[in-house]
Each structure stands twice: as C-alpha cells, then as structure tokens.
PDB file of N, CA and C in Angstrom:
ATOM      1  N   MET A   1       9.696 -23.620   2.722  1.00  0.00           N
ATOM      2  CA  MET A   1       9.656 -22.362   1.984  1.00  0.00           C
ATOM      3  C   MET A   1      10.483 -21.337   2.757  1.00  0.00           C
ATOM      4  N   SER A   2      11.302 -20.550   2.072  1.00  0.00           N
ATOM      5  CA  SER A   2      12.135 -19.554   2.737  1.00  0.00           C
ATOM      6  C   SER A   2      11.260 -18.437   3.306  1.00  0.00           C
ATOM      7  N   GLU A   3      11.819 -17.752   4.329  1.00  0.00           N
ATOM      8  CA  GLU A   3      11.069 -16.667   4.966  1.00  0.00           C
ATOM      9  C   GLU A   3      10.763 -15.555   3.974  1.00  0.00           C
ATOM     10  N   GLU A   4      11.728 -15.214   3.097  1.00  0.00           N
ATOM     11  CA  GLU A   4      11.520 -14.168   2.095  1.00  0.00           C
ATOM     12  C   GLU A   4      10.413 -14.564   1.123  1.00  0.00           C
ATOM     13  N   ARG A   5      10.417 -15.814   0.671  1.00  0.00           N
ATOM     14  CA  ARG A   5       9.390 -16.298  -0.265  1.00  0.00           C
ATOM     15  C   ARG A   5       8.026 -16.305   0.410  1.00  0.00           C
ATOM     16  N   GLU A   6       7.977 -16.731   1.684  1.00  0.00           N
ATOM     17  CA  GLU A   6       6.713 -16.751   2.425  1.00  0.00           C
ATOM     18  C   GLU A   6       6.174 -15.343   2.578  1.00  0.00           C
ATOM     19  N   ARG A   7       7.049 -14.394   2.892  1.00  0.00           N
ATOM     20  CA  ARG A   7       6.623 -12.998   3.035  1.00  0.00           C
ATOM     21  C   ARG A   7       6.066 -12.487   1.718  1.00  0.00           C
ATOM     22  N   ALA A   8       6.746 -12.800   0.602  1.00  0.00           N
ATOM     23  CA  ALA A   8       6.288 -12.363  -0.714  1.00  0.00           C
ATOM     24  C   ALA A   8       4.898 -12.918  -1.009  1.00  0.00           C
ATOM     25  N   ASP A   9       4.667 -14.192  -0.708  1.00  0.00           N
ATOM     26  CA  ASP A   9       3.365 -14.800  -0.960  1.00  0.00           C
ATOM     27  C   ASP A   9       2.280 -14.145  -0.116  1.00  0.00           C
ATOM     28  N   ASN A  10       2.549 -13.927   1.170  1.00  0.00           N
ATOM     29  CA  ASN A  10       1.568 -13.286   2.045  1.00  0.00           C
ATOM     30  C   ASN A  10       1.316 -11.851   1.618  1.00  0.00           C
ATOM     31  N   ASP A  11       2.371 -11.132   1.275  1.00  0.00           N
ATOM     32  CA  ASP A  11       2.212  -9.746   0.857  1.00  0.00           C
ATOM     33  C   ASP A  11       1.412  -9.643  -0.433  1.00  0.00           C
ATOM     34  N   SER A  12       1.621 -10.575  -1.358  1.00  0.00           N
ATOM     35  CA  SER A  12       0.870 -10.560  -2.611  1.00  0.00           C
ATOM     36  C   SER A  12      -0.622 -10.719  -2.362  1.00  0.00           C
ATOM     37  N   LEU A  13      -0.978 -11.591  -1.448  1.00  0.00           N
ATOM     38  CA  LEU A  13      -2.386 -11.780  -1.101  1.00  0.00           C
ATOM     39  C   LEU A  13      -2.976 -10.503  -0.526  1.00  0.00           C
ATOM     40  N   TRP A  14      -2.250  -9.859   0.380  1.00  0.00           N
ATOM     41  CA  TRP A  14      -2.760  -8.624   0.969  1.00  0.00           C
ATOM     42  C   TRP A  14      -2.853  -7.508  -0.065  1.00  0.00           C
ATOM     43  N   LYS A  15      -1.940  -7.493  -1.012  1.00  0.00           N
ATOM     44  CA  LYS A  15      -2.001  -6.496  -2.084  1.00  0.00           C
ATOM     45  C   LYS A  15      -3.271  -6.697  -2.912  1.00  0.00           C
ATOM     46  N   GLU A  16      -3.599  -7.946  -3.221  1.00  0.00           N
ATOM     47  CA  GLU A  16      -4.822  -8.242  -3.972  1.00  0.00           C
ATOM     48  C   GLU A  16      -6.064  -7.830  -3.188  1.00  0.00           C
ATOM     49  N   ILE A  17      -6.068  -8.099  -1.893  1.00  0.00           N
ATOM     50  CA  ILE A  17      -7.202  -7.708  -1.044  1.00  0.00           C
ATOM     51  C   ILE A  17      -7.331  -6.196  -1.017  1.00  0.00           C
ATOM     52  N   LEU A  18      -6.207  -5.506  -0.862  1.00  0.00           N
ATOM     53  CA  LEU A  18      -6.226  -4.045  -0.831  1.00  0.00           C
ATOM     54  C   LEU A  18      -6.784  -3.471  -2.130  1.00  0.00           C
ATOM     55  N   GLU A  19      -6.406  -4.048  -3.251  1.00  0.00           N
ATOM     56  CA  GLU A  19      -6.924  -3.560  -4.528  1.00  0.00           C
ATOM     57  C   GLU A  19      -8.422  -3.830  -4.662  1.00  0.00           C
ATOM     58  N   ALA A  20      -8.864  -5.012  -4.253  1.00  0.00           N
ATOM     59  CA  ALA A  20     -10.271  -5.386  -4.401  1.00  0.00           C
ATOM     60  C   ALA A  20     -11.182  -4.587  -3.468  1.00  0.00           C
ATOM     61  N   TYR A  21     -10.674  -4.224  -2.300  1.00  0.00           N
ATOM     62  CA  TYR A  21     -11.493  -3.556  -1.277  1.00  0.00           C
ATOM     63  C   TYR A  21     -10.873  -2.233  -0.837  1.00  0.00           C
ATOM     64  N   PHE A  22     -10.305  -1.509  -1.766  1.00  0.00           N
ATOM     65  CA  PHE A  22      -9.604  -0.272  -1.407  1.00  0.00           C
ATOM     66  C   PHE A  22     -10.486   0.739  -0.671  1.00  0.00           C
ATOM     67  N   PRO A  23     -11.674   1.095  -1.166  1.00  0.00           N
ATOM     68  CA  PRO A  23     -12.498   2.062  -0.423  1.00  0.00           C
ATOM     69  C   PRO A  23     -12.830   1.587   0.987  1.00  0.00           C
ATOM     70  N   GLN A  24     -13.170   0.311   1.126  1.00  0.00           N
ATOM     71  CA  GLN A  24     -13.506  -0.233   2.438  1.00  0.00           C
ATOM     72  C   GLN A  24     -12.284  -0.233   3.364  1.00  0.00           C
ATOM     73  N   ALA A  25     -11.124  -0.569   2.822  1.00  0.00           N
ATOM     74  CA  ALA A  25      -9.898  -0.568   3.634  1.00  0.00           C
ATOM     75  C   ALA A  25      -9.573   0.846   4.106  1.00  0.00           C
ATOM     76  N   MET A  26      -9.701   1.807   3.216  1.00  0.00           N
ATOM     77  CA  MET A  26      -9.443   3.195   3.608  1.00  0.00           C
ATOM     78  C   MET A  26     -10.418   3.651   4.677  1.00  0.00           C
ATOM     79  N   GLN A  27     -11.699   3.301   4.520  1.00  0.00           N
ATOM     80  CA  GLN A  27     -12.692   3.715   5.500  1.00  0.00           C
ATOM     81  C   GLN A  27     -12.464   3.042   6.854  1.00  0.00           C
ATOM     82  N   PHE A  28     -11.960   1.825   6.851  1.00  0.00           N
ATOM     83  CA  PHE A  28     -11.715   1.116   8.101  1.00  0.00           C
ATOM     84  C   PHE A  28     -10.439   1.604   8.791  1.00  0.00           C
ATOM     85  N   PHE A  29      -9.330   1.675   8.039  1.00  0.00           N
ATOM     86  CA  PHE A  29      -8.044   2.003   8.643  1.00  0.00           C
ATOM     87  C   PHE A  29      -7.775   3.502   8.739  1.00  0.00           C
ATOM     88  N   PHE A  30      -8.281   4.279   7.792  1.00  0.00           N
ATOM     89  CA  PHE A  30      -8.015   5.721   7.747  1.00  0.00           C
ATOM     90  C   PHE A  30      -9.315   6.490   7.514  1.00  0.00           C
ATOM     91  N   PRO A  31     -10.257   6.426   8.438  1.00  0.00           N
ATOM     92  CA  PRO A  31     -11.571   7.049   8.200  1.00  0.00           C
ATOM     93  C   PRO A  31     -11.506   8.551   7.947  1.00  0.00           C
ATOM     94  N   GLN A  32     -10.589   9.261   8.601  1.00  0.00           N
ATOM     95  CA  GLN A  32     -10.506  10.711   8.377  1.00  0.00           C
ATOM     96  C   GLN A  32     -10.020  11.025   6.967  1.00  0.00           C
ATOM     97  N   THR A  33      -9.070  10.257   6.481  1.00  0.00           N
ATOM     98  CA  THR A  33      -8.579  10.441   5.113  1.00  0.00           C
ATOM     99  C   THR A  33      -9.648  10.018   4.110  1.00  0.00           C
ATOM    100  N   ALA A  34     -10.301   8.893   4.371  1.00  0.00           N
ATOM    101  CA  ALA A  34     -11.340   8.398   3.466  1.00  0.00           C
ATOM    102  C   ALA A  34     -12.467   9.410   3.313  1.00  0.00           C
ATOM    103  N   ALA A  35     -12.745  10.154   4.364  1.00  0.00           N
ATOM    104  CA  ALA A  35     -13.822  11.149   4.314  1.00  0.00           C
ATOM    105  C   ALA A  35     -13.490  12.307   3.376  1.00  0.00           C
ATOM    106  N   LEU A  36     -12.220  12.488   3.041  1.00  0.00           N
ATOM    107  CA  LEU A  36     -11.796  13.571   2.152  1.00  0.00           C
ATOM    108  C   LEU A  36     -11.759  13.158   0.686  1.00  0.00           C
ATOM    109  N   ILE A  37     -11.965  11.859   0.425  1.00  0.00           N
ATOM    110  CA  ILE A  37     -11.862  11.329  -0.930  1.00  0.00           C
ATOM    111  C   ILE A  37     -13.225  11.319  -1.606  1.00  0.00           C
ATOM    112  N   ASN A  38     -13.248  11.736  -2.871  1.00  0.00           N
ATOM    113  CA  ASN A  38     -14.465  11.679  -3.673  1.00  0.00           C
ATOM    114  C   ASN A  38     -14.568  10.263  -4.246  1.00  0.00           C
ATOM    115  N   TRP A  39     -15.346   9.421  -3.610  1.00  0.00           N
ATOM    116  CA  TRP A  39     -15.452   8.017  -4.017  1.00  0.00           C
ATOM    117  C   TRP A  39     -16.320   7.830  -5.258  1.00  0.00           C
ATOM    118  N   GLU A  40     -16.964   8.905  -5.731  1.00  0.00           N
ATOM    119  CA  GLU A  40     -17.723   8.816  -6.975  1.00  0.00           C
ATOM    120  C   GLU A  40     -16.795   8.850  -8.188  1.00  0.00           C
ATOM    121  N   ARG A  41     -15.587   9.338  -7.999  1.00  0.00           N
ATOM    122  CA  ARG A  41     -14.582   9.316  -9.068  1.00  0.00           C
ATOM    123  C   ARG A  41     -13.744   8.057  -8.900  1.00  0.00           C
ATOM    124  N   PRO A  42     -13.322   7.448  -9.978  1.00  0.00           N
ATOM    125  CA  PRO A  42     -12.551   6.202  -9.857  1.00  0.00           C
ATOM    126  C   PRO A  42     -11.148   6.451  -9.311  1.00  0.00           C
ATOM    127  N   HIS A  43     -10.689   5.538  -8.466  1.00  0.00           N
ATOM    128  CA  HIS A  43      -9.302   5.581  -8.011  1.00  0.00           C
ATOM    129  C   HIS A  43      -8.476   4.744  -8.987  1.00  0.00           C
ATOM    130  N   GLU A  44      -7.174   4.986  -9.003  1.00  0.00           N
ATOM    131  CA  GLU A  44      -6.311   4.295  -9.966  1.00  0.00           C
ATOM    132  C   GLU A  44      -5.030   3.846  -9.264  1.00  0.00           C
ATOM    133  N   PHE A  45      -4.704   2.563  -9.378  1.00  0.00           N
ATOM    134  CA  PHE A  45      -3.456   2.044  -8.842  1.00  0.00           C
ATOM    135  C   PHE A  45      -2.356   2.340  -9.841  1.00  0.00           C
ATOM    136  N   LEU A  46      -1.304   2.983  -9.373  1.00  0.00           N
ATOM    137  CA  LEU A  46      -0.227   3.447 -10.232  1.00  0.00           C
ATOM    138  C   LEU A  46       0.980   2.516 -10.125  1.00  0.00           C
ATOM    139  N   ASP A  47       0.792   1.271 -10.515  1.00  0.00           N
ATOM    140  CA  ASP A  47       1.864   0.280 -10.403  1.00  0.00           C
ATOM    141  C   ASP A  47       3.084   0.652 -11.235  1.00  0.00           C
ATOM    142  N   LYS A  48       2.870   1.102 -12.452  1.00  0.00           N
ATOM    143  CA  LYS A  48       3.988   1.452 -13.336  1.00  0.00           C
ATOM    144  C   LYS A  48       4.773   2.636 -12.759  1.00  0.00           C
ATOM    145  N   GLU A  49       4.081   3.647 -12.308  1.00  0.00           N
ATOM    146  CA  GLU A  49       4.733   4.814 -11.718  1.00  0.00           C
ATOM    147  C   GLU A  49       5.470   4.425 -10.434  1.00  0.00           C
ATOM    148  N   PHE A  50       4.846   3.567  -9.643  1.00  0.00           N
ATOM    149  CA  PHE A  50       5.467   3.146  -8.382  1.00  0.00           C
ATOM    150  C   PHE A  50       6.747   2.357  -8.650  1.00  0.00           C
ATOM    151  N   GLN A  51       6.723   1.480  -9.649  1.00  0.00           N
ATOM    152  CA  GLN A  51       7.910   0.695  -9.978  1.00  0.00           C
ATOM    153  C   GLN A  51       9.058   1.588 -10.434  1.00  0.00           C
ATOM    154  N   GLN A  52       8.752   2.689 -11.102  1.00  0.00           N
ATOM    155  CA  GLN A  52       9.802   3.622 -11.511  1.00  0.00           C
ATOM    156  C   GLN A  52      10.458   4.270 -10.296  1.00  0.00           C
ATOM    157  N   ILE A  53       9.676   4.532  -9.267  1.00  0.00           N
ATOM    158  CA  ILE A  53      10.206   5.139  -8.044  1.00  0.00           C
ATOM    159  C   ILE A  53      11.068   4.131  -7.291  1.00  0.00           C
ATOM    160  N   VAL A  54      10.555   2.916  -7.085  1.00  0.00           N
ATOM    161  CA  VAL A  54      11.258   1.916  -6.272  1.00  0.00           C
ATOM    162  C   VAL A  54      12.438   1.301  -7.001  1.00  0.00           C
ATOM    163  N   ARG A  55      12.445   1.349  -8.298  1.00  0.00           N
ATOM    164  CA  ARG A  55      13.541   0.756  -9.061  1.00  0.00           C
ATOM    165  C   ARG A  55      14.876   1.322  -8.610  1.00  0.00           C
ATOM    166  N   GLU A  56      14.899   2.596  -8.230  1.00  0.00           N
ATOM    167  CA  GLU A  56      16.138   3.250  -7.840  1.00  0.00           C
ATOM    168  C   GLU A  56      16.470   3.067  -6.368  1.00  0.00           C
ATOM    169  N   ALA A  57      15.579   2.481  -5.604  1.00  0.00           N
ATOM    170  CA  ALA A  57      15.824   2.286  -4.175  1.00  0.00           C
ATOM    171  C   ALA A  57      16.859   1.194  -3.956  1.00  0.00           C
ATOM    172  N   GLU A  58      17.677   1.376  -2.942  1.00  0.00           N
ATOM    173  CA  GLU A  58      18.725   0.411  -2.640  1.00  0.00           C
ATOM    174  C   GLU A  58      18.263  -0.622  -1.628  1.00  0.00           C
ATOM    175  N   LEU A  59      17.058  -0.531  -1.140  1.00  0.00           N
ATOM    176  CA  LEU A  59      16.613  -1.355  -0.025  1.00  0.00           C
ATOM    177  C   LEU A  59      15.983  -2.666  -0.437  1.00  0.00           C
ATOM    178  N   GLY A  60      15.948  -2.965  -1.694  1.00  0.00           N
ATOM    179  CA  GLY A  60      15.361  -4.223  -2.121  1.00  0.00           C
ATOM    180  C   GLY A  60      13.911  -4.068  -2.504  1.00  0.00           C
ATOM    181  N   ARG A  61      13.317  -5.167  -2.884  1.00  0.00           N
ATOM    182  CA  ARG A  61      11.943  -5.178  -3.387  1.00  0.00           C
ATOM    183  C   ARG A  61      10.938  -4.970  -2.265  1.00  0.00           C
ATOM    184  N   ARG A  62       9.894  -4.241  -2.570  1.00  0.00           N
ATOM    185  CA  ARG A  62       8.789  -4.019  -1.633  1.00  0.00           C
ATOM    186  C   ARG A  62       7.565  -4.666  -2.236  1.00  0.00           C
ATOM    187  N   TYR A  63       6.932  -5.557  -1.499  1.00  0.00           N
ATOM    188  CA  TYR A  63       5.850  -6.349  -2.066  1.00  0.00           C
ATOM    189  C   TYR A  63       4.464  -5.751  -1.852  1.00  0.00           C
ATOM    190  N   ALA A  64       4.179  -5.225  -0.675  1.00  0.00           N
ATOM    191  CA  ALA A  64       2.800  -4.856  -0.362  1.00  0.00           C
ATOM    192  C   ALA A  64       2.565  -3.353  -0.389  1.00  0.00           C
ATOM    193  N   ASP A  65       3.422  -2.614  -1.042  1.00  0.00           N
ATOM    194  CA  ASP A  65       3.214  -1.183  -1.165  1.00  0.00           C
ATOM    195  C   ASP A  65       2.397  -0.904  -2.418  1.00  0.00           C
ATOM    196  N   LYS A  66       1.489   0.046  -2.299  1.00  0.00           N
ATOM    197  CA  LYS A  66       0.659   0.437  -3.439  1.00  0.00           C
ATOM    198  C   LYS A  66       0.642   1.963  -3.508  1.00  0.00           C
ATOM    199  N   LEU A  67       0.740   2.475  -4.713  1.00  0.00           N
ATOM    200  CA  LEU A  67       0.577   3.891  -4.969  1.00  0.00           C
ATOM    201  C   LEU A  67      -0.774   4.055  -5.652  1.00  0.00           C
ATOM    202  N   VAL A  68      -1.609   4.914  -5.092  1.00  0.00           N
ATOM    203  CA  VAL A  68      -2.981   5.032  -5.578  1.00  0.00           C
ATOM    204  C   VAL A  68      -3.315   6.499  -5.833  1.00  0.00           C
ATOM    205  N   LYS A  69      -3.853   6.769  -7.026  1.00  0.00           N
ATOM    206  CA  LYS A  69      -4.329   8.113  -7.341  1.00  0.00           C
ATOM    207  C   LYS A  69      -5.809   8.182  -6.978  1.00  0.00           C
ATOM    208  N   VAL A  70      -6.144   9.185  -6.166  1.00  0.00           N
ATOM    209  CA  VAL A  70      -7.539   9.426  -5.787  1.00  0.00           C
ATOM    210  C   VAL A  70      -7.830  10.906  -5.999  1.00  0.00           C
ATOM    211  N   TRP A  71      -9.088  11.244  -5.909  1.00  0.00           N
ATOM    212  CA  TRP A  71      -9.518  12.629  -6.058  1.00  0.00           C
ATOM    213  C   TRP A  71     -10.148  13.092  -4.755  1.00  0.00           C
ATOM    214  N   GLN A  72      -9.724  14.236  -4.283  1.00  0.00           N
ATOM    215  CA  GLN A  72     -10.327  14.804  -3.085  1.00  0.00           C
ATOM    216  C   GLN A  72     -11.706  15.364  -3.415  1.00  0.00           C
ATOM    217  N   ILE A  73     -12.503  15.541  -2.415  1.00  0.00           N
ATOM    218  CA  ILE A  73     -13.844  16.100  -2.602  1.00  0.00           C
ATOM    219  C   ILE A  73     -13.770  17.479  -3.267  1.00  0.00           C
ATOM    220  N   GLN A  74     -12.724  18.255  -2.941  1.00  0.00           N
ATOM    221  CA  GLN A  74     -12.573  19.585  -3.537  1.00  0.00           C
ATOM    222  C   GLN A  74     -12.119  19.526  -4.992  1.00  0.00           C
ATOM    223  N   GLY A  75     -11.809  18.324  -5.504  1.00  0.00           N
ATOM    224  CA  GLY A  75     -11.455  18.169  -6.904  1.00  0.00           C
ATOM    225  C   GLY A  75      -9.977  17.993  -7.174  1.00  0.00           C
ATOM    226  N   GLU A  76      -9.139  18.084  -6.159  1.00  0.00           N
ATOM    227  CA  GLU A  76      -7.698  17.961  -6.353  1.00  0.00           C
ATOM    228  C   GLU A  76      -7.268  16.486  -6.411  1.00  0.00           C
ATOM    229  N   GLU A  77      -6.398  16.187  -7.362  1.00  0.00           N
ATOM    230  CA  GLU A  77      -5.824  14.835  -7.468  1.00  0.00           C
ATOM    231  C   GLU A  77      -4.716  14.689  -6.433  1.00  0.00           C
ATOM    232  N   ILE A  78      -4.710  13.577  -5.705  1.00  0.00           N
ATOM    233  CA  ILE A  78      -3.609  13.278  -4.785  1.00  0.00           C
ATOM    234  C   ILE A  78      -3.200  11.820  -4.957  1.00  0.00           C
ATOM    235  N   TRP A  79      -1.968  11.530  -4.601  1.00  0.00           N
ATOM    236  CA  TRP A  79      -1.450  10.166  -4.658  1.00  0.00           C
ATOM    237  C   TRP A  79      -1.206   9.700  -3.236  1.00  0.00           C
ATOM    238  N   LEU A  80      -1.675   8.511  -2.925  1.00  0.00           N
ATOM    239  CA  LEU A  80      -1.483   7.916  -1.604  1.00  0.00           C
ATOM    240  C   LEU A  80      -0.523   6.740  -1.711  1.00  0.00           C
ATOM    241  N   LEU A  81       0.455   6.689  -0.827  1.00  0.00           N
ATOM    242  CA  LEU A  81       1.338   5.530  -0.738  1.00  0.00           C
ATOM    243  C   LEU A  81       0.840   4.689   0.420  1.00  0.00           C
ATOM    244  N   ILE A  82       0.407   3.480   0.116  1.00  0.00           N
ATOM    245  CA  ILE A  82      -0.159   2.572   1.115  1.00  0.00           C
ATOM    246  C   ILE A  82       0.826   1.440   1.346  1.00  0.00           C
ATOM    247  N   HIS A  83       1.129   1.188   2.605  1.00  0.00           N
ATOM    248  CA  HIS A  83       2.002   0.064   2.951  1.00  0.00           C
ATOM    249  C   HIS A  83       1.264  -0.850   3.913  1.00  0.00           C
ATOM    250  N   VAL A  84       1.177  -2.113   3.557  1.00  0.00           N
ATOM    251  CA  VAL A  84       0.523  -3.113   4.399  1.00  0.00           C
ATOM    252  C   VAL A  84       1.603  -4.029   4.956  1.00  0.00           C
ATOM    253  N   GLU A  85       1.604  -4.201   6.257  1.00  0.00           N
ATOM    254  CA  GLU A  85       2.570  -5.098   6.905  1.00  0.00           C
ATOM    255  C   GLU A  85       1.830  -5.948   7.923  1.00  0.00           C
ATOM    256  N   ILE A  86       1.798  -7.228   7.670  1.00  0.00           N
ATOM    257  CA  ILE A  86       1.153  -8.169   8.573  1.00  0.00           C
ATOM    258  C   ILE A  86       2.249  -8.959   9.277  1.00  0.00           C
ATOM    259  N   GLN A  87       2.249  -8.944  10.595  1.00  0.00           N
ATOM    260  CA  GLN A  87       3.259  -9.648  11.374  1.00  0.00           C
ATOM    261  C   GLN A  87       2.612 -10.826  12.099  1.00  0.00           C
ATOM    262  N   ALA A  88       3.130 -12.024  11.858  1.00  0.00           N
ATOM    263  CA  ALA A  88       2.632 -13.221  12.525  1.00  0.00           C
ATOM    264  C   ALA A  88       3.467 -13.569  13.755  1.00  0.00           C
ATOM    265  N   LYS A  89       4.690 -13.032  13.792  1.00  0.00           N
ATOM    266  CA  LYS A  89       5.571 -13.303  14.930  1.00  0.00           C
ATOM    267  C   LYS A  89       6.477 -12.105  15.157  1.00  0.00           C
ATOM    268  N   SER A  90       7.071 -12.062  16.329  1.00  0.00           N
ATOM    269  CA  SER A  90       7.962 -10.974  16.692  1.00  0.00           C
ATOM    270  C   SER A  90       9.209 -11.002  15.807  1.00  0.00           C
ATOM    271  N   GLU A  91       9.701  -9.819  15.482  1.00  0.00           N
ATOM    272  CA  GLU A  91      10.885  -9.697  14.642  1.00  0.00           C
ATOM    273  C   GLU A  91      11.772  -8.608  15.237  1.00  0.00           C
ATOM    274  N   ASP A  92      13.002  -8.941  15.555  1.00  0.00           N
ATOM    275  CA  ASP A  92      13.905  -8.010  16.233  1.00  0.00           C
ATOM    276  C   ASP A  92      14.105  -6.704  15.473  1.00  0.00           C
ATOM    277  N   ASN A  93      14.236  -6.759  14.166  1.00  0.00           N
ATOM    278  CA  ASN A  93      14.523  -5.547  13.387  1.00  0.00           C
ATOM    279  C   ASN A  93      13.271  -4.951  12.739  1.00  0.00           C
ATOM    280  N   PHE A  94      12.096  -5.262  13.263  1.00  0.00           N
ATOM    281  CA  PHE A  94      10.837  -4.797  12.663  1.00  0.00           C
ATOM    282  C   PHE A  94      10.782  -3.271  12.560  1.00  0.00           C
ATOM    283  N   ALA A  95      11.085  -2.574  13.644  1.00  0.00           N
ATOM    284  CA  ALA A  95      10.998  -1.101  13.641  1.00  0.00           C
ATOM    285  C   ALA A  95      11.946  -0.506  12.605  1.00  0.00           C
ATOM    286  N   GLN A  96      13.158  -1.025  12.517  1.00  0.00           N
ATOM    287  CA  GLN A  96      14.127  -0.528  11.537  1.00  0.00           C
ATOM    288  C   GLN A  96      13.660  -0.808  10.112  1.00  0.00           C
ATOM    289  N   ARG A  97      13.109  -2.003   9.901  1.00  0.00           N
ATOM    290  CA  ARG A  97      12.616  -2.368   8.572  1.00  0.00           C
ATOM    291  C   ARG A  97      11.456  -1.463   8.151  1.00  0.00           C
ATOM    292  N   MET A  98      10.554  -1.148   9.071  1.00  0.00           N
ATOM    293  CA  MET A  98       9.430  -0.270   8.743  1.00  0.00           C
ATOM    294  C   MET A  98       9.901   1.147   8.482  1.00  0.00           C
ATOM    295  N   PHE A  99      10.893   1.596   9.235  1.00  0.00           N
ATOM    296  CA  PHE A  99      11.439   2.931   9.016  1.00  0.00           C
ATOM    297  C   PHE A  99      12.054   3.033   7.629  1.00  0.00           C
ATOM    298  N   SER A 100      12.759   1.977   7.228  1.00  0.00           N
ATOM    299  CA  SER A 100      13.392   1.966   5.906  1.00  0.00           C
ATOM    300  C   SER A 100      12.346   1.973   4.821  1.00  0.00           C
TER     301      SER A 100
END
C-alpha cells in the first residue's frame, strides 16, 4: 500500500473517532477550550462548508481536518478547526507539512 493511501486510511479512522467522541476528545486534548463550550447544545460537523474552503487550497487534500460548529456557554456560535495528526515514524518534512 502506498504511503499516501496508508495515511488516508489512518486519517479516516481518526476522523471517525473524533466525530464519535468529540466532547471527550476536546475535554482530553483542550480542557480549557472544552470548558467554554455549552455541551447541552448540539455540535455540528461542517463537512460541506469545510470542503468549500479547502477546495481552493493548492496544498492538496486534507484527510483528518474537521470544522465543527459549537456554542459557547455565553451563547455565541463559534467554529473550531480541528486537525489530527498521528505520526508512527519520524518524517523529515513534518514541521513544514504541519505549518502548511
């Protein structure tokens, strides 16, 4: 299996996990941000809106990025861009790729 295909498969799995356990993931990885979110209101994954944004990007397809609409405790709607990157081995251009 090619490295790009393997990355796509792994990223797809993490995207599914992120969607299934979004509140728990936010509380684990970003507890200060999670504390500002009103979890009694439903969050919404904005896949269609996100695809419109990335469609114009020149950097290629992004697999594990998610755009999520949440509501703050004060009642304001905000959108969070979540990027999941799992590294199994060292990669020389990792920092540049993450910056991009």
